[in-house]
């Protein structure tokens, strides 16, 4: 089982979203604890700041996965727009 941590900017972004979307994002963060690679996770290539991203509705969760320490850091959460990537 992995440990999921949120960065300060991810928490700040999450608080701005509607409650329904906050609940959806929190459910996804609970699911990735079990097996992060079972979901729709895409490995990102440089120059992205993070190593992976998950799509959940119209939101993108950018995260770093450390398989050796089993820690997942959710770095950023953004609403999907034409400028997200």
PDB file of N, CA and C in Angstrom:
ATOM      1  N   UNK A   1       0.844  -1.180   0.000  1.00  0.00           N
ATOM      2  CA  UNK A   1       0.000   0.000   0.000  1.00  0.00           C
ATOM      3  C   UNK A   1       0.891   1.246   0.000  1.00  0.00           C
ATOM      4  N   UNK A   2       0.496   2.218  -0.788  1.00  0.00           N
ATOM      5  CA  UNK A   2       1.239   3.461  -0.902  1.00  0.00           C
ATOM      6  C   UNK A   2       0.684   4.511   0.058  1.00  0.00           C
ATOM      7  N   UNK A   3       1.510   5.459   0.405  1.00  0.00           N
ATOM      8  CA  UNK A   3       1.090   6.607   1.206  1.00  0.00           C
ATOM      9  C   UNK A   3       0.895   7.773   0.246  1.00  0.00           C
ATOM     10  N   UNK A   4      -0.229   8.492   0.365  1.00  0.00           N
ATOM     11  CA  UNK A   4      -0.527   9.611  -0.523  1.00  0.00           C
ATOM     12  C   UNK A   4      -0.403  10.910   0.267  1.00  0.00           C
ATOM     13  N   UNK A   5       0.409  11.838  -0.257  1.00  0.00           N
ATOM     14  CA  UNK A   5       0.585  13.156   0.347  1.00  0.00           C
ATOM     15  C   UNK A   5       0.193  14.220  -0.671  1.00  0.00           C
ATOM     16  N   UNK A   6      -0.356  15.321  -0.186  1.00  0.00           N
ATOM     17  CA  UNK A   6      -0.726  16.456  -1.027  1.00  0.00           C
ATOM     18  C   UNK A   6       0.248  17.602  -0.774  1.00  0.00           C
ATOM     19  N   UNK A   7       0.677  18.260  -1.838  1.00  0.00           N
ATOM     20  CA  UNK A   7       1.497  19.465  -1.667  1.00  0.00           C
ATOM     21  C   UNK A   7       0.581  20.613  -1.247  1.00  0.00           C
ATOM     22  N   UNK A   8       1.172  21.691  -0.765  1.00  0.00           N
ATOM     23  CA  UNK A   8       0.384  22.853  -0.347  1.00  0.00           C
ATOM     24  C   UNK A   8      -0.401  23.438  -1.510  1.00  0.00           C
ATOM     25  N   UNK A   9       0.217  23.492  -2.691  1.00  0.00           N
ATOM     26  CA  UNK A   9      -0.480  24.057  -3.846  1.00  0.00           C
ATOM     27  C   UNK A   9      -1.631  23.157  -4.295  1.00  0.00           C
ATOM     28  N   UNK A  10      -1.482  21.844  -4.148  1.00  0.00           N
ATOM     29  CA  UNK A  10      -2.562  20.922  -4.508  1.00  0.00           C
ATOM     30  C   UNK A  10      -3.754  21.094  -3.561  1.00  0.00           C
ATOM     31  N   UNK A  11      -3.477  21.258  -2.281  1.00  0.00           N
ATOM     32  CA  UNK A  11      -4.551  21.478  -1.298  1.00  0.00           C
ATOM     33  C   UNK A  11      -5.255  22.798  -1.574  1.00  0.00           C
ATOM     34  N   UNK A  12      -4.489  23.816  -1.893  1.00  0.00           N
ATOM     35  CA  UNK A  12      -5.059  25.135  -2.196  1.00  0.00           C
ATOM     36  C   UNK A  12      -5.963  25.063  -3.430  1.00  0.00           C
ATOM     37  N   UNK A  13      -5.516  24.350  -4.458  1.00  0.00           N
ATOM     38  CA  UNK A  13      -6.320  24.193  -5.663  1.00  0.00           C
ATOM     39  C   UNK A  13      -7.585  23.400  -5.375  1.00  0.00           C
ATOM     40  N   UNK A  14      -7.459  22.346  -4.602  1.00  0.00           N
ATOM     41  CA  UNK A  14      -8.586  21.481  -4.284  1.00  0.00           C
ATOM     42  C   UNK A  14      -9.703  22.246  -3.576  1.00  0.00           C
ATOM     43  N   UNK A  15      -9.341  23.149  -2.698  1.00  0.00           N
ATOM     44  CA  UNK A  15     -10.332  23.925  -1.947  1.00  0.00           C
ATOM     45  C   UNK A  15     -11.140  24.868  -2.841  1.00  0.00           C
ATOM     46  N   UNK A  16     -10.606  25.219  -4.001  1.00  0.00           N
ATOM     47  CA  UNK A  16     -11.293  26.132  -4.916  1.00  0.00           C
ATOM     48  C   UNK A  16     -12.363  25.433  -5.765  1.00  0.00           C
ATOM     49  N   UNK A  17     -12.282  24.106  -5.859  1.00  0.00           N
ATOM     50  CA  UNK A  17     -13.192  23.357  -6.720  1.00  0.00           C
ATOM     51  C   UNK A  17     -14.536  23.133  -6.019  1.00  0.00           C
ATOM     52  N   UNK A  18     -15.596  22.881  -6.794  1.00  0.00           N
ATOM     53  CA  UNK A  18     -16.895  22.560  -6.189  1.00  0.00           C
ATOM     54  C   UNK A  18     -16.805  21.293  -5.336  1.00  0.00           C
ATOM     55  N   UNK A  19     -17.659  21.199  -4.344  1.00  0.00           N
ATOM     56  CA  UNK A  19     -17.629  20.093  -3.389  1.00  0.00           C
ATOM     57  C   UNK A  19     -17.741  18.740  -4.089  1.00  0.00           C
ATOM     58  N   UNK A  20     -18.586  18.631  -5.094  1.00  0.00           N
ATOM     59  CA  UNK A  20     -18.758  17.370  -5.824  1.00  0.00           C
ATOM     60  C   UNK A  20     -17.437  16.913  -6.438  1.00  0.00           C
ATOM     61  N   UNK A  21     -16.705  17.861  -7.005  1.00  0.00           N
ATOM     62  CA  UNK A  21     -15.420  17.538  -7.629  1.00  0.00           C
ATOM     63  C   UNK A  21     -14.355  17.236  -6.580  1.00  0.00           C
ATOM     64  N   UNK A  22     -14.408  17.910  -5.442  1.00  0.00           N
ATOM     65  CA  UNK A  22     -13.467  17.624  -4.356  1.00  0.00           C
ATOM     66  C   UNK A  22     -13.628  16.181  -3.880  1.00  0.00           C
ATOM     67  N   UNK A  23     -14.868  15.739  -3.765  1.00  0.00           N
ATOM     68  CA  UNK A  23     -15.138  14.372  -3.322  1.00  0.00           C
ATOM     69  C   UNK A  23     -14.609  13.374  -4.341  1.00  0.00           C
ATOM     70  N   UNK A  24     -14.820  13.655  -5.631  1.00  0.00           N
ATOM     71  CA  UNK A  24     -14.338  12.768  -6.697  1.00  0.00           C
ATOM     72  C   UNK A  24     -12.809  12.647  -6.653  1.00  0.00           C
ATOM     73  N   UNK A  25     -12.129  13.775  -6.469  1.00  0.00           N
ATOM     74  CA  UNK A  25     -10.661  13.773  -6.427  1.00  0.00           C
ATOM     75  C   UNK A  25     -10.157  13.025  -5.190  1.00  0.00           C
ATOM     76  N   UNK A  26     -10.826  13.201  -4.068  1.00  0.00           N
ATOM     77  CA  UNK A  26     -10.422  12.489  -2.847  1.00  0.00           C
ATOM     78  C   UNK A  26     -10.627  10.982  -2.989  1.00  0.00           C
ATOM     79  N   UNK A  27     -11.681  10.567  -3.697  1.00  0.00           N
ATOM     80  CA  UNK A  27     -11.906   9.135  -3.934  1.00  0.00           C
ATOM     81  C   UNK A  27     -10.783   8.547  -4.787  1.00  0.00           C
ATOM     82  N   UNK A  28     -10.348   9.301  -5.784  1.00  0.00           N
ATOM     83  CA  UNK A  28      -9.244   8.842  -6.632  1.00  0.00           C
ATOM     84  C   UNK A  28      -7.969   8.726  -5.811  1.00  0.00           C
ATOM     85  N   UNK A  29      -7.733   9.684  -4.923  1.00  0.00           N
ATOM     86  CA  UNK A  29      -6.521   9.620  -4.087  1.00  0.00           C
ATOM     87  C   UNK A  29      -6.564   8.400  -3.164  1.00  0.00           C
ATOM     88  N   UNK A  30      -7.753   7.966  -2.758  1.00  0.00           N
ATOM     89  CA  UNK A  30      -7.878   6.756  -1.943  1.00  0.00           C
ATOM     90  C   UNK A  30      -7.627   5.503  -2.788  1.00  0.00           C
ATOM     91  N   UNK A  31      -8.078   5.512  -4.041  1.00  0.00           N
ATOM     92  CA  UNK A  31      -7.892   4.354  -4.920  1.00  0.00           C
ATOM     93  C   UNK A  31      -6.422   4.138  -5.274  1.00  0.00           C
ATOM     94  N   UNK A  32      -5.674   5.228  -5.450  1.00  0.00           N
ATOM     95  CA  UNK A  32      -4.279   5.058  -5.854  1.00  0.00           C
ATOM     96  C   UNK A  32      -3.404   4.545  -4.710  1.00  0.00           C
ATOM     97  N   UNK A  33      -3.923   4.567  -3.487  1.00  0.00           N
ATOM     98  CA  UNK A  33      -3.174   3.993  -2.368  1.00  0.00           C
ATOM     99  C   UNK A  33      -2.970   2.494  -2.561  1.00  0.00           C
ATOM    100  N   UNK A  34      -3.996   1.825  -3.073  1.00  0.00           N
ATOM    101  CA  UNK A  34      -3.943   0.371  -3.247  1.00  0.00           C
ATOM    102  C   UNK A  34      -2.970  -0.026  -4.350  1.00  0.00           C
ATOM    103  N   UNK A  35      -3.201   0.481  -5.561  1.00  0.00           N
ATOM    104  CA  UNK A  35      -2.345   0.169  -6.704  1.00  0.00           C
ATOM    105  C   UNK A  35      -2.395   1.358  -7.658  1.00  0.00           C
ATOM    106  N   UNK A  36      -1.412   2.234  -7.600  1.00  0.00           N
ATOM    107  CA  UNK A  36      -1.470   3.443  -8.421  1.00  0.00           C
ATOM    108  C   UNK A  36      -1.439   3.177  -9.917  1.00  0.00           C
ATOM    109  N   UNK A  37      -0.924   2.039 -10.330  1.00  0.00           N
ATOM    110  CA  UNK A  37      -0.800   1.776 -11.758  1.00  0.00           C
ATOM    111  C   UNK A  37      -2.021   1.063 -12.333  1.00  0.00           C
ATOM    112  N   UNK A  38      -3.035   0.792 -11.498  1.00  0.00           N
ATOM    113  CA  UNK A  38      -4.260   0.152 -11.973  1.00  0.00           C
ATOM    114  C   UNK A  38      -5.207   1.171 -12.609  1.00  0.00           C
ATOM    115  N   UNK A  39      -5.043   2.432 -12.288  1.00  0.00           N
ATOM    116  CA  UNK A  39      -5.918   3.476 -12.832  1.00  0.00           C
ATOM    117  C   UNK A  39      -5.374   4.007 -14.154  1.00  0.00           C
ATOM    118  N   UNK A  40      -6.056   4.987 -14.692  1.00  0.00           N
ATOM    119  CA  UNK A  40      -5.659   5.609 -15.959  1.00  0.00           C
ATOM    120  C   UNK A  40      -4.527   6.605 -15.703  1.00  0.00           C
ATOM    121  N   UNK A  41      -3.349   6.071 -15.393  1.00  0.00           N
ATOM    122  CA  UNK A  41      -2.186   6.920 -15.119  1.00  0.00           C
ATOM    123  C   UNK A  41      -1.312   6.953 -16.353  1.00  0.00           C
ATOM    124  N   UNK A  42      -0.897   8.158 -16.715  1.00  0.00           N
ATOM    125  CA  UNK A  42      -0.020   8.303 -17.869  1.00  0.00           C
ATOM    126  C   UNK A  42       1.322   8.844 -17.391  1.00  0.00           C
ATOM    127  N   UNK A  43       2.391   8.224 -17.852  1.00  0.00           N
ATOM    128  CA  UNK A  43       3.732   8.709 -17.532  1.00  0.00           C
ATOM    129  C   UNK A  43       4.014   9.913 -18.418  1.00  0.00           C
ATOM    130  N   UNK A  44       4.464  10.992 -17.811  1.00  0.00           N
ATOM    131  CA  UNK A  44       4.732  12.223 -18.542  1.00  0.00           C
ATOM    132  C   UNK A  44       6.213  12.320 -18.894  1.00  0.00           C
ATOM    133  N   UNK A  45       6.467  12.881 -20.032  1.00  0.00           N
ATOM    134  CA  UNK A  45       7.841  13.088 -20.504  1.00  0.00           C
ATOM    135  C   UNK A  45       8.302  14.489 -20.105  1.00  0.00           C
ATOM    136  N   UNK A  46       9.608  14.697 -19.984  1.00  0.00           N
ATOM    137  CA  UNK A  46      10.097  16.057 -19.732  1.00  0.00           C
ATOM    138  C   UNK A  46       9.645  16.979 -20.848  1.00  0.00           C
ATOM    139  N   UNK A  47       9.335  18.174 -20.625  1.00  0.00           N
ATOM    140  CA  UNK A  47       9.683  19.127 -19.565  1.00  0.00           C
ATOM    141  C   UNK A  47       8.644  19.254 -18.456  1.00  0.00           C
ATOM    142  N   UNK A  48       7.746  18.275 -18.265  1.00  0.00           N
ATOM    143  CA  UNK A  48       6.747  18.360 -17.194  1.00  0.00           C
ATOM    144  C   UNK A  48       7.425  18.303 -15.831  1.00  0.00           C
ATOM    145  N   UNK A  49       6.806  18.980 -14.866  1.00  0.00           N
ATOM    146  CA  UNK A  49       7.362  19.042 -13.516  1.00  0.00           C
ATOM    147  C   UNK A  49       7.205  17.718 -12.774  1.00  0.00           C
ATOM    148  N   UNK A  50       6.182  16.948 -13.126  1.00  0.00           N
ATOM    149  CA  UNK A  50       5.896  15.706 -12.416  1.00  0.00           C
ATOM    150  C   UNK A  50       6.103  14.502 -13.336  1.00  0.00           C
ATOM    151  N   UNK A  51       6.068  13.319 -12.749  1.00  0.00           N
ATOM    152  CA  UNK A  51       6.336  12.122 -13.542  1.00  0.00           C
ATOM    153  C   UNK A  51       5.074  11.473 -14.113  1.00  0.00           C
ATOM    154  N   UNK A  52       3.918  11.673 -13.467  1.00  0.00           N
ATOM    155  CA  UNK A  52       2.684  11.022 -13.900  1.00  0.00           C
ATOM    156  C   UNK A  52       1.490  11.966 -13.771  1.00  0.00           C
ATOM    157  N   UNK A  53       0.386  11.560 -14.434  1.00  0.00           N
ATOM    158  CA  UNK A  53      -0.863  12.285 -14.268  1.00  0.00           C
ATOM    159  C   UNK A  53      -2.026  11.311 -14.345  1.00  0.00           C
ATOM    160  N   UNK A  54      -3.113  11.668 -13.650  1.00  0.00           N
ATOM    161  CA  UNK A  54      -4.349  10.893 -13.663  1.00  0.00           C
ATOM    162  C   UNK A  54      -5.463  11.817 -14.140  1.00  0.00           C
ATOM    163  N   UNK A  55      -6.327  11.295 -14.991  1.00  0.00           N
ATOM    164  CA  UNK A  55      -7.508  12.043 -15.394  1.00  0.00           C
ATOM    165  C   UNK A  55      -8.658  11.629 -14.497  1.00  0.00           C
ATOM    166  N   UNK A  56      -9.383  12.604 -14.007  1.00  0.00           N
ATOM    167  CA  UNK A  56     -10.604  12.326 -13.256  1.00  0.00           C
ATOM    168  C   UNK A  56     -11.625  13.387 -13.627  1.00  0.00           C
ATOM    169  N   UNK A  57     -12.553  13.013 -14.467  1.00  0.00           N
ATOM    170  CA  UNK A  57     -13.528  13.979 -14.971  1.00  0.00           C
ATOM    171  C   UNK A  57     -12.824  15.037 -15.790  1.00  0.00           C
ATOM    172  N   UNK A  58     -13.101  16.288 -15.498  1.00  0.00           N
ATOM    173  CA  UNK A  58     -12.452  17.376 -16.227  1.00  0.00           C
ATOM    174  C   UNK A  58     -11.225  17.897 -15.491  1.00  0.00           C
ATOM    175  N   UNK A  59     -10.706  17.108 -14.559  1.00  0.00           N
ATOM    176  CA  UNK A  59      -9.540  17.509 -13.784  1.00  0.00           C
ATOM    177  C   UNK A  59      -8.362  16.586 -14.077  1.00  0.00           C
ATOM    178  N   UNK A  60      -7.175  17.136 -13.921  1.00  0.00           N
ATOM    179  CA  UNK A  60      -5.941  16.378 -14.072  1.00  0.00           C
ATOM    180  C   UNK A  60      -5.166  16.482 -12.768  1.00  0.00           C
ATOM    181  N   UNK A  61      -4.766  15.333 -12.253  1.00  0.00           N
ATOM    182  CA  UNK A  61      -3.999  15.271 -11.016  1.00  0.00           C
ATOM    183  C   UNK A  61      -2.571  14.920 -11.409  1.00  0.00           C
ATOM    184  N   UNK A  62      -1.650  15.838 -11.141  1.00  0.00           N
ATOM    185  CA  UNK A  62      -0.242  15.628 -11.471  1.00  0.00           C
ATOM    186  C   UNK A  62       0.468  15.134 -10.216  1.00  0.00           C
ATOM    187  N   UNK A  63       1.199  14.035 -10.362  1.00  0.00           N
ATOM    188  CA  UNK A  63       1.797  13.427  -9.178  1.00  0.00           C
ATOM    189  C   UNK A  63       3.145  12.804  -9.483  1.00  0.00           C
ATOM    190  N   UNK A  64       3.893  12.608  -8.415  1.00  0.00           N
ATOM    191  CA  UNK A  64       5.171  11.893  -8.467  1.00  0.00           C
ATOM    192  C   UNK A  64       5.007  10.611  -7.671  1.00  0.00           C
ATOM    193  N   UNK A  65       5.462   9.507  -8.253  1.00  0.00           N
ATOM    194  CA  UNK A  65       5.358   8.211  -7.590  1.00  0.00           C
ATOM    195  C   UNK A  65       6.764   7.693  -7.300  1.00  0.00           C
ATOM    196  N   UNK A  66       7.028   7.420  -6.031  1.00  0.00           N
ATOM    197  CA  UNK A  66       8.302   6.833  -5.627  1.00  0.00           C
ATOM    198  C   UNK A  66       8.025   5.389  -5.201  1.00  0.00           C
ATOM    199  N   UNK A  67       8.361   4.444  -6.063  1.00  0.00           N
ATOM    200  CA  UNK A  67       8.047   3.039  -5.788  1.00  0.00           C
ATOM    201  C   UNK A  67       8.939   2.428  -4.715  1.00  0.00           C
ATOM    202  N   UNK A  68      10.110   2.989  -4.494  1.00  0.00           N
ATOM    203  CA  UNK A  68      10.998   2.419  -3.472  1.00  0.00           C
ATOM    204  C   UNK A  68      10.490   2.723  -2.060  1.00  0.00           C
ATOM    205  N   UNK A  69      10.044   3.959  -1.832  1.00  0.00           N
ATOM    206  CA  UNK A  69       9.526   4.323  -0.508  1.00  0.00           C
ATOM    207  C   UNK A  69       8.008   4.204  -0.429  1.00  0.00           C
ATOM    208  N   UNK A  70       7.367   3.896  -1.566  1.00  0.00           N
ATOM    209  CA  UNK A  70       5.907   3.759  -1.663  1.00  0.00           C
ATOM    210  C   UNK A  70       5.185   5.028  -1.217  1.00  0.00           C
ATOM    211  N   UNK A  71       5.667   6.154  -1.740  1.00  0.00           N
ATOM    212  CA  UNK A  71       5.045   7.439  -1.453  1.00  0.00           C
ATOM    213  C   UNK A  71       4.591   8.072  -2.767  1.00  0.00           C
ATOM    214  N   UNK A  72       3.366   8.559  -2.763  1.00  0.00           N
ATOM    215  CA  UNK A  72       2.816   9.283  -3.908  1.00  0.00           C
ATOM    216  C   UNK A  72       2.600  10.717  -3.458  1.00  0.00           C
ATOM    217  N   UNK A  73       3.189  11.657  -4.178  1.00  0.00           N
ATOM    218  CA  UNK A  73       3.018  13.069  -3.864  1.00  0.00           C
ATOM    219  C   UNK A  73       2.153  13.698  -4.944  1.00  0.00           C
ATOM    220  N   UNK A  74       0.970  14.157  -4.551  1.00  0.00           N
ATOM    221  CA  UNK A  74       0.100  14.886  -5.474  1.00  0.00           C
ATOM    222  C   UNK A  74       0.588  16.326  -5.469  1.00  0.00           C
ATOM    223  N   UNK A  75       1.174  16.730  -6.593  1.00  0.00           N
ATOM    224  CA  UNK A  75       1.842  18.017  -6.684  1.00  0.00           C
ATOM    225  C   UNK A  75       0.876  19.120  -7.101  1.00  0.00           C
ATOM    226  N   UNK A  76      -0.004  18.794  -8.049  1.00  0.00           N
ATOM    227  CA  UNK A  76      -0.851  19.826  -8.627  1.00  0.00           C
ATOM    228  C   UNK A  76      -2.156  19.207  -9.100  1.00  0.00           C
ATOM    229  N   UNK A  77      -3.245  19.969  -8.995  1.00  0.00           N
ATOM    230  CA  UNK A  77      -4.546  19.550  -9.513  1.00  0.00           C
ATOM    231  C   UNK A  77      -5.062  20.702 -10.359  1.00  0.00           C
ATOM    232  N   UNK A  78      -5.364  20.423 -11.612  1.00  0.00           N
ATOM    233  CA  UNK A  78      -5.818  21.480 -12.524  1.00  0.00           C
ATOM    234  C   UNK A  78      -7.067  21.052 -13.256  1.00  0.00           C
ATOM    235  N   UNK A  79      -7.918  22.025 -13.534  1.00  0.00           N
ATOM    236  CA  UNK A  79      -9.069  21.780 -14.394  1.00  0.00           C
ATOM    237  C   UNK A  79      -8.569  21.693 -15.823  1.00  0.00           C
ATOM    238  N   UNK A  80      -9.059  20.755 -16.581  1.00  0.00           N
ATOM    239  CA  UNK A  80      -8.603  20.538 -17.947  1.00  0.00           C
ATOM    240  C   UNK A  80      -9.083  21.669 -18.831  1.00  0.00           C
ATOM    241  N   UNK A  81      -8.130  22.355 -19.431  1.00  0.00           N
ATOM    242  CA  UNK A  81      -8.407  23.397 -20.420  1.00  0.00           C
ATOM    243  C   UNK A  81      -7.440  23.186 -21.577  1.00  0.00           C
ATOM    244  N   UNK A  82      -7.459  24.080 -22.527  1.00  0.00           N
ATOM    245  CA  UNK A  82      -6.527  23.962 -23.651  1.00  0.00           C
ATOM    246  C   UNK A  82      -5.101  24.254 -23.220  1.00  0.00           C
ATOM    247  N   UNK A  83      -4.911  24.869 -22.050  1.00  0.00           N
ATOM    248  CA  UNK A  83      -3.580  25.229 -21.600  1.00  0.00           C
ATOM    249  C   UNK A  83      -3.060  24.341 -20.473  1.00  0.00           C
ATOM    250  N   UNK A  84      -3.749  23.234 -20.162  1.00  0.00           N
ATOM    251  CA  UNK A  84      -3.356  22.381 -19.046  1.00  0.00           C
ATOM    252  C   UNK A  84      -2.010  21.730 -19.278  1.00  0.00           C
ATOM    253  N   UNK A  85      -1.747  21.264 -20.509  1.00  0.00           N
ATOM    254  CA  UNK A  85      -0.501  20.543 -20.771  1.00  0.00           C
ATOM    255  C   UNK A  85       0.547  21.442 -21.350  1.00  0.00           C
TER     256      UNK A  85
END
